[in-house]
Amino acid sequence: MIFALFAQLFSLFFYWKGPIERQYTDHSAIAWEMFAADFQAELTTIQSLEVHQNGDGIHFRTDRGLIAIEQRNHVIRKSIDGLGHVPFLTNISSVQFSLHHPLLVVYVTMQDGTRKERDFIIGDYSR
């Protein structure tokens, strides 16, 4: 009787495990979605925004100071007032930022060649 109960629980576990593994095995997709959520949160209350001339980074001002988001080597990183370097997204080959007010479009090429693109809504600020 106990064996039959464990056998059912065992089979139920593998029935549940299959869809979960398919959903969460793509680590780059998870990293991209986490980057997108964090980056959108940064853009909600800005006072000014400037895209680098070559498009590989941005600077914007908030109540916390001047925030820079830019590529260094294979990482998109954030710094506040030139201090600290918090990695936002790793394993990238290139990034391009393009401002089309009220949208900031981010184009990323990952090291494996996949390309990602996302539109971010920027908070209202005086241009």
N, C-alpha and C. Protein backbone atom coordinates (compact mmCIF):
# COMPACT_ATOMS: atom_id res chain seq x y z
N MET A 1 0.82 -1.19 0.00
CA MET A 1 0.00 0.00 0.00
C MET A 1 0.87 1.26 0.00
N ILE A 2 1.88 1.29 0.89
CA ILE A 2 2.76 2.45 0.94
C ILE A 2 3.55 2.57 -0.36
N PHE A 3 3.97 1.42 -0.92
CA PHE A 3 4.69 1.44 -2.18
C PHE A 3 3.83 2.04 -3.30
N ALA A 4 2.55 1.69 -3.33
CA ALA A 4 1.65 2.22 -4.36
C ALA A 4 1.51 3.73 -4.22
N LEU A 5 1.46 4.23 -3.00
CA LEU A 5 1.37 5.68 -2.77
C LEU A 5 2.63 6.38 -3.26
N PHE A 6 3.81 5.84 -2.91
CA PHE A 6 5.07 6.44 -3.37
C PHE A 6 5.21 6.37 -4.89
N ALA A 7 4.74 5.29 -5.49
CA ALA A 7 4.82 5.16 -6.94
C ALA A 7 3.98 6.23 -7.62
N GLN A 8 2.80 6.52 -7.07
CA GLN A 8 1.96 7.58 -7.64
C GLN A 8 2.60 8.95 -7.47
N LEU A 9 3.16 9.22 -6.29
CA LEU A 9 3.83 10.50 -6.07
C LEU A 9 5.05 10.65 -6.98
N PHE A 10 5.78 9.57 -7.16
CA PHE A 10 6.95 9.58 -8.02
C PHE A 10 6.57 9.91 -9.46
N SER A 11 5.53 9.27 -9.97
CA SER A 11 5.09 9.54 -11.35
C SER A 11 4.51 10.94 -11.47
N LEU A 12 3.83 11.42 -10.44
CA LEU A 12 3.29 12.78 -10.46
C LEU A 12 4.42 13.81 -10.50
N PHE A 13 5.51 13.56 -9.79
CA PHE A 13 6.66 14.46 -9.80
C PHE A 13 7.22 14.61 -11.21
N PHE A 14 7.40 13.50 -11.92
CA PHE A 14 7.97 13.58 -13.27
C PHE A 14 6.98 14.18 -14.26
N TYR A 15 5.70 14.01 -14.02
CA TYR A 15 4.68 14.66 -14.85
C TYR A 15 4.78 16.18 -14.69
N TRP A 16 5.04 16.67 -13.49
CA TRP A 16 5.18 18.10 -13.20
C TRP A 16 6.53 18.64 -13.68
N LYS A 17 7.57 17.84 -13.55
CA LYS A 17 8.94 18.28 -13.83
C LYS A 17 9.17 18.60 -15.31
N GLY A 18 8.57 17.87 -16.21
CA GLY A 18 8.78 18.07 -17.65
C GLY A 18 8.46 19.48 -18.12
N PRO A 19 7.24 19.98 -17.89
CA PRO A 19 6.93 21.35 -18.34
C PRO A 19 7.78 22.42 -17.66
N ILE A 20 8.12 22.22 -16.41
CA ILE A 20 8.94 23.20 -15.70
C ILE A 20 10.33 23.29 -16.33
N GLU A 21 10.93 22.15 -16.65
CA GLU A 21 12.25 22.16 -17.27
C GLU A 21 12.22 22.82 -18.64
N ARG A 22 11.18 22.58 -19.42
CA ARG A 22 11.09 23.22 -20.74
C ARG A 22 10.93 24.72 -20.61
N GLN A 23 10.25 25.17 -19.58
CA GLN A 23 9.99 26.59 -19.41
C GLN A 23 11.21 27.35 -18.91
N TYR A 24 12.03 26.77 -18.08
CA TYR A 24 13.12 27.50 -17.44
C TYR A 24 14.52 27.04 -17.81
N THR A 25 14.71 26.33 -18.90
CA THR A 25 16.06 25.89 -19.25
C THR A 25 16.82 26.93 -20.05
N ASP A 26 16.16 27.89 -20.68
CA ASP A 26 16.84 28.90 -21.48
C ASP A 26 17.30 30.04 -20.57
N HIS A 27 18.53 29.93 -20.08
CA HIS A 27 19.04 30.92 -19.12
C HIS A 27 19.18 32.30 -19.73
N SER A 28 19.49 32.39 -21.02
CA SER A 28 19.62 33.72 -21.64
C SER A 28 18.27 34.42 -21.71
N ALA A 29 17.19 33.68 -21.90
CA ALA A 29 15.86 34.30 -21.92
C ALA A 29 15.48 34.81 -20.54
N ILE A 30 15.83 34.07 -19.51
CA ILE A 30 15.56 34.51 -18.15
C ILE A 30 16.38 35.76 -17.83
N ALA A 31 17.66 35.76 -18.21
CA ALA A 31 18.51 36.93 -17.96
C ALA A 31 17.99 38.15 -18.71
N TRP A 32 17.52 37.95 -19.95
CA TRP A 32 16.97 39.07 -20.73
C TRP A 32 15.73 39.65 -20.06
N GLU A 33 14.83 38.80 -19.61
CA GLU A 33 13.61 39.29 -18.96
C GLU A 33 13.92 40.00 -17.65
N MET A 34 14.89 39.51 -16.91
CA MET A 34 15.28 40.19 -15.67
C MET A 34 15.90 41.55 -15.98
N PHE A 35 16.73 41.61 -17.02
CA PHE A 35 17.30 42.89 -17.45
C PHE A 35 16.19 43.86 -17.83
N ALA A 36 15.23 43.38 -18.62
CA ALA A 36 14.14 44.24 -19.08
C ALA A 36 13.34 44.80 -17.90
N ALA A 37 13.04 43.98 -16.93
CA ALA A 37 12.27 44.44 -15.77
C ALA A 37 13.06 45.46 -14.95
N ASP A 38 14.34 45.18 -14.71
CA ASP A 38 15.17 46.12 -13.94
C ASP A 38 15.38 47.43 -14.69
N PHE A 39 15.61 47.33 -15.99
CA PHE A 39 15.87 48.53 -16.79
C PHE A 39 14.62 49.40 -16.87
N GLN A 40 13.45 48.79 -17.06
CA GLN A 40 12.21 49.57 -17.10
C GLN A 40 11.97 50.29 -15.79
N ALA A 41 12.27 49.64 -14.68
CA ALA A 41 12.10 50.27 -13.37
C ALA A 41 13.01 51.49 -13.23
N GLU A 42 14.20 51.44 -13.81
CA GLU A 42 15.13 52.58 -13.74
C GLU A 42 14.59 53.79 -14.51
N LEU A 43 13.81 53.56 -15.55
CA LEU A 43 13.38 54.64 -16.45
C LEU A 43 12.07 55.31 -16.04
N THR A 44 11.50 54.96 -14.92
CA THR A 44 10.17 55.48 -14.58
C THR A 44 10.19 56.91 -14.09
N THR A 45 11.19 57.30 -13.34
CA THR A 45 11.22 58.67 -12.78
C THR A 45 12.55 59.33 -13.09
N ILE A 46 12.71 59.74 -14.33
CA ILE A 46 13.96 60.39 -14.72
C ILE A 46 13.72 61.88 -14.93
N GLN A 47 14.79 62.65 -14.80
CA GLN A 47 14.71 64.10 -15.00
C GLN A 47 15.31 64.52 -16.33
N SER A 48 16.28 63.77 -16.83
CA SER A 48 16.88 64.04 -18.14
C SER A 48 17.44 62.73 -18.68
N LEU A 49 17.62 62.68 -19.99
CA LEU A 49 18.12 61.47 -20.64
C LEU A 49 18.97 61.86 -21.83
N GLU A 50 20.10 61.18 -21.98
CA GLU A 50 21.00 61.43 -23.11
C GLU A 50 21.54 60.09 -23.59
N VAL A 51 21.43 59.85 -24.90
CA VAL A 51 21.99 58.65 -25.51
C VAL A 51 23.39 59.01 -26.02
N HIS A 52 24.37 58.15 -25.76
CA HIS A 52 25.72 58.39 -26.28
C HIS A 52 25.66 58.55 -27.79
N GLN A 53 26.57 59.33 -28.34
CA GLN A 53 26.57 59.61 -29.77
C GLN A 53 26.65 58.34 -30.61
N ASN A 54 27.43 57.36 -30.18
CA ASN A 54 27.53 56.11 -30.94
C ASN A 54 26.46 55.10 -30.54
N GLY A 55 25.60 55.45 -29.57
CA GLY A 55 24.47 54.61 -29.19
C GLY A 55 24.78 53.44 -28.29
N ASP A 56 26.02 53.35 -27.77
CA ASP A 56 26.36 52.18 -26.95
C ASP A 56 26.09 52.37 -25.47
N GLY A 57 25.45 53.49 -25.10
CA GLY A 57 25.13 53.71 -23.70
C GLY A 57 24.23 54.91 -23.53
N ILE A 58 23.72 55.09 -22.32
CA ILE A 58 22.88 56.24 -22.00
C ILE A 58 23.27 56.78 -20.64
N HIS A 59 22.94 58.05 -20.43
CA HIS A 59 23.06 58.70 -19.12
C HIS A 59 21.70 59.31 -18.81
N PHE A 60 21.24 59.17 -17.59
CA PHE A 60 20.02 59.86 -17.19
C PHE A 60 20.12 60.26 -15.73
N ARG A 61 19.41 61.32 -15.41
CA ARG A 61 19.45 61.86 -14.06
C ARG A 61 18.15 61.51 -13.34
N THR A 62 18.31 61.06 -12.09
CA THR A 62 17.17 60.80 -11.20
C THR A 62 17.46 61.48 -9.87
N ASP A 63 16.58 61.26 -8.90
CA ASP A 63 16.81 61.79 -7.56
C ASP A 63 18.05 61.16 -6.92
N ARG A 64 18.45 59.98 -7.39
CA ARG A 64 19.62 59.29 -6.84
C ARG A 64 20.94 59.79 -7.43
N GLY A 65 20.89 60.54 -8.53
CA GLY A 65 22.11 61.05 -9.15
C GLY A 65 22.13 60.76 -10.64
N LEU A 66 23.32 60.89 -11.23
CA LEU A 66 23.51 60.63 -12.65
C LEU A 66 23.80 59.14 -12.84
N ILE A 67 22.91 58.47 -13.56
CA ILE A 67 23.02 57.03 -13.77
C ILE A 67 23.49 56.78 -15.19
N ALA A 68 24.50 55.95 -15.34
CA ALA A 68 25.02 55.56 -16.65
C ALA A 68 24.75 54.07 -16.86
N ILE A 69 24.20 53.75 -18.02
CA ILE A 69 24.01 52.36 -18.43
C ILE A 69 24.81 52.23 -19.72
N GLU A 70 25.82 51.37 -19.72
CA GLU A 70 26.67 51.27 -20.90
C GLU A 70 27.33 49.90 -20.97
N GLN A 71 27.85 49.61 -22.16
CA GLN A 71 28.54 48.34 -22.37
C GLN A 71 30.01 48.48 -22.03
N ARG A 72 30.52 47.52 -21.30
CA ARG A 72 31.95 47.38 -21.04
C ARG A 72 32.27 45.90 -21.24
N ASN A 73 33.14 45.64 -22.20
CA ASN A 73 33.48 44.26 -22.58
C ASN A 73 32.20 43.52 -22.96
N HIS A 74 31.85 42.47 -22.27
CA HIS A 74 30.66 41.68 -22.63
C HIS A 74 29.55 41.86 -21.61
N VAL A 75 29.48 43.05 -21.01
CA VAL A 75 28.51 43.30 -19.94
C VAL A 75 27.84 44.65 -20.15
N ILE A 76 26.52 44.71 -19.94
CA ILE A 76 25.83 45.99 -19.80
C ILE A 76 25.81 46.26 -18.31
N ARG A 77 26.34 47.42 -17.93
CA ARG A 77 26.46 47.70 -16.50
C ARG A 77 25.92 49.08 -16.17
N LYS A 78 25.60 49.26 -14.89
CA LYS A 78 25.05 50.51 -14.38
C LYS A 78 26.00 51.09 -13.35
N SER A 79 26.18 52.42 -13.42
CA SER A 79 26.92 53.11 -12.36
C SER A 79 26.13 54.35 -11.98
N ILE A 80 26.27 54.76 -10.74
CA ILE A 80 25.59 55.96 -10.23
C ILE A 80 26.65 56.96 -9.83
N ASP A 81 26.60 58.13 -10.46
CA ASP A 81 27.60 59.18 -10.23
C ASP A 81 29.03 58.65 -10.40
N GLY A 82 29.22 57.75 -11.35
CA GLY A 82 30.53 57.20 -11.64
C GLY A 82 31.04 56.19 -10.64
N LEU A 83 30.23 55.84 -9.67
CA LEU A 83 30.64 54.90 -8.62
C LEU A 83 29.94 53.56 -8.79
N GLY A 84 30.65 52.50 -8.49
CA GLY A 84 30.06 51.17 -8.56
C GLY A 84 29.75 50.78 -9.98
N HIS A 85 29.78 49.53 -10.24
CA HIS A 85 29.45 49.03 -11.57
C HIS A 85 28.62 47.77 -11.37
N VAL A 86 27.32 47.91 -11.47
CA VAL A 86 26.40 46.80 -11.25
C VAL A 86 26.11 46.15 -12.60
N PRO A 87 26.42 44.87 -12.78
CA PRO A 87 26.11 44.21 -14.05
C PRO A 87 24.60 44.07 -14.23
N PHE A 88 24.12 44.50 -15.40
CA PHE A 88 22.70 44.37 -15.74
C PHE A 88 22.45 43.15 -16.61
N LEU A 89 23.35 42.92 -17.58
CA LEU A 89 23.19 41.80 -18.51
C LEU A 89 24.58 41.37 -18.95
N THR A 90 24.84 40.08 -18.93
CA THR A 90 26.16 39.57 -19.29
C THR A 90 26.09 38.75 -20.58
N ASN A 91 27.26 38.38 -21.09
CA ASN A 91 27.38 37.57 -22.30
C ASN A 91 26.80 38.25 -23.53
N ILE A 92 27.09 39.54 -23.69
CA ILE A 92 26.61 40.26 -24.86
C ILE A 92 27.78 40.60 -25.77
N SER A 93 27.48 40.71 -27.06
CA SER A 93 28.48 41.16 -28.03
C SER A 93 28.37 42.65 -28.28
N SER A 94 27.12 43.13 -28.40
CA SER A 94 26.93 44.56 -28.66
C SER A 94 25.57 45.00 -28.16
N VAL A 95 25.46 46.31 -27.93
CA VAL A 95 24.20 46.92 -27.52
C VAL A 95 24.06 48.25 -28.23
N GLN A 96 22.85 48.59 -28.63
CA GLN A 96 22.55 49.88 -29.24
C GLN A 96 21.30 50.43 -28.56
N PHE A 97 21.38 51.70 -28.16
CA PHE A 97 20.24 52.40 -27.59
C PHE A 97 19.77 53.42 -28.61
N SER A 98 18.47 53.53 -28.80
CA SER A 98 17.92 54.49 -29.75
C SER A 98 16.69 55.14 -29.12
N LEU A 99 16.68 56.47 -29.08
CA LEU A 99 15.60 57.21 -28.43
C LEU A 99 14.58 57.65 -29.47
N HIS A 100 13.34 57.25 -29.27
CA HIS A 100 12.19 57.66 -30.07
C HIS A 100 11.11 58.06 -29.07
N HIS A 101 11.25 59.26 -28.53
CA HIS A 101 10.42 59.70 -27.40
C HIS A 101 8.96 59.37 -27.63
N PRO A 102 8.26 58.74 -26.74
CA PRO A 102 8.58 58.38 -25.36
C PRO A 102 9.17 56.99 -25.20
N LEU A 103 9.72 56.42 -26.28
CA LEU A 103 10.29 55.07 -26.19
C LEU A 103 11.80 55.11 -26.30
N LEU A 104 12.43 54.23 -25.56
CA LEU A 104 13.86 53.97 -25.69
C LEU A 104 13.97 52.53 -26.18
N VAL A 105 14.52 52.35 -27.38
CA VAL A 105 14.63 51.02 -27.96
C VAL A 105 16.04 50.50 -27.70
N VAL A 106 16.12 49.27 -27.21
CA VAL A 106 17.41 48.64 -26.92
C VAL A 106 17.55 47.41 -27.81
N TYR A 107 18.64 47.38 -28.57
CA TYR A 107 18.98 46.25 -29.44
C TYR A 107 20.22 45.59 -28.85
N VAL A 108 20.14 44.31 -28.57
CA VAL A 108 21.26 43.58 -27.97
C VAL A 108 21.57 42.36 -28.83
N THR A 109 22.85 42.15 -29.11
CA THR A 109 23.32 40.92 -29.75
C THR A 109 24.09 40.14 -28.69
N MET A 110 23.64 38.94 -28.43
CA MET A 110 24.27 38.09 -27.43
C MET A 110 25.52 37.43 -28.04
N GLN A 111 26.37 36.89 -27.20
CA GLN A 111 27.59 36.24 -27.69
C GLN A 111 27.30 35.01 -28.54
N ASP A 112 26.15 34.38 -28.34
CA ASP A 112 25.81 33.21 -29.16
C ASP A 112 25.17 33.60 -30.48
N GLY A 113 25.06 34.92 -30.76
CA GLY A 113 24.53 35.40 -32.03
C GLY A 113 23.06 35.76 -32.00
N THR A 114 22.33 35.40 -30.97
CA THR A 114 20.91 35.75 -30.92
C THR A 114 20.76 37.25 -30.72
N ARG A 115 19.71 37.79 -31.32
CA ARG A 115 19.45 39.22 -31.22
C ARG A 115 18.16 39.44 -30.43
N LYS A 116 18.22 40.41 -29.57
CA LYS A 116 17.06 40.75 -28.74
C LYS A 116 16.78 42.22 -28.93
N GLU A 117 15.50 42.57 -28.86
CA GLU A 117 15.08 43.96 -29.00
C GLU A 117 13.91 44.20 -28.06
N ARG A 118 13.90 45.37 -27.43
CA ARG A 118 12.80 45.69 -26.52
C ARG A 118 12.60 47.19 -26.52
N ASP A 119 11.33 47.61 -26.50
CA ASP A 119 10.97 49.01 -26.34
C ASP A 119 10.70 49.26 -24.87
N PHE A 120 11.26 50.35 -24.34
CA PHE A 120 11.05 50.73 -22.96
C PHE A 120 10.40 52.11 -22.93
N ILE A 121 9.39 52.27 -22.11
CA ILE A 121 8.72 53.56 -21.96
C ILE A 121 9.50 54.36 -20.93
N ILE A 122 9.85 55.58 -21.31
CA ILE A 122 10.59 56.41 -20.37
C ILE A 122 9.63 57.35 -19.67
N GLY A 123 9.94 57.64 -18.41
CA GLY A 123 9.12 58.57 -17.65
C GLY A 123 9.17 59.96 -18.26
N ASP A 124 8.16 60.74 -18.02
CA ASP A 124 8.09 62.08 -18.59
C ASP A 124 9.19 62.95 -18.00
N TYR A 125 9.90 63.62 -18.85
CA TYR A 125 10.95 64.53 -18.43
C TYR A 125 11.00 65.69 -19.41
N SER A 126 11.61 66.77 -19.01
CA SER A 126 11.75 67.91 -19.92
C SER A 126 12.96 67.67 -20.81
N ARG A 127 12.71 67.55 -22.08
CA ARG A 127 13.76 67.23 -23.04
C ARG A 127 14.74 68.34 -23.04
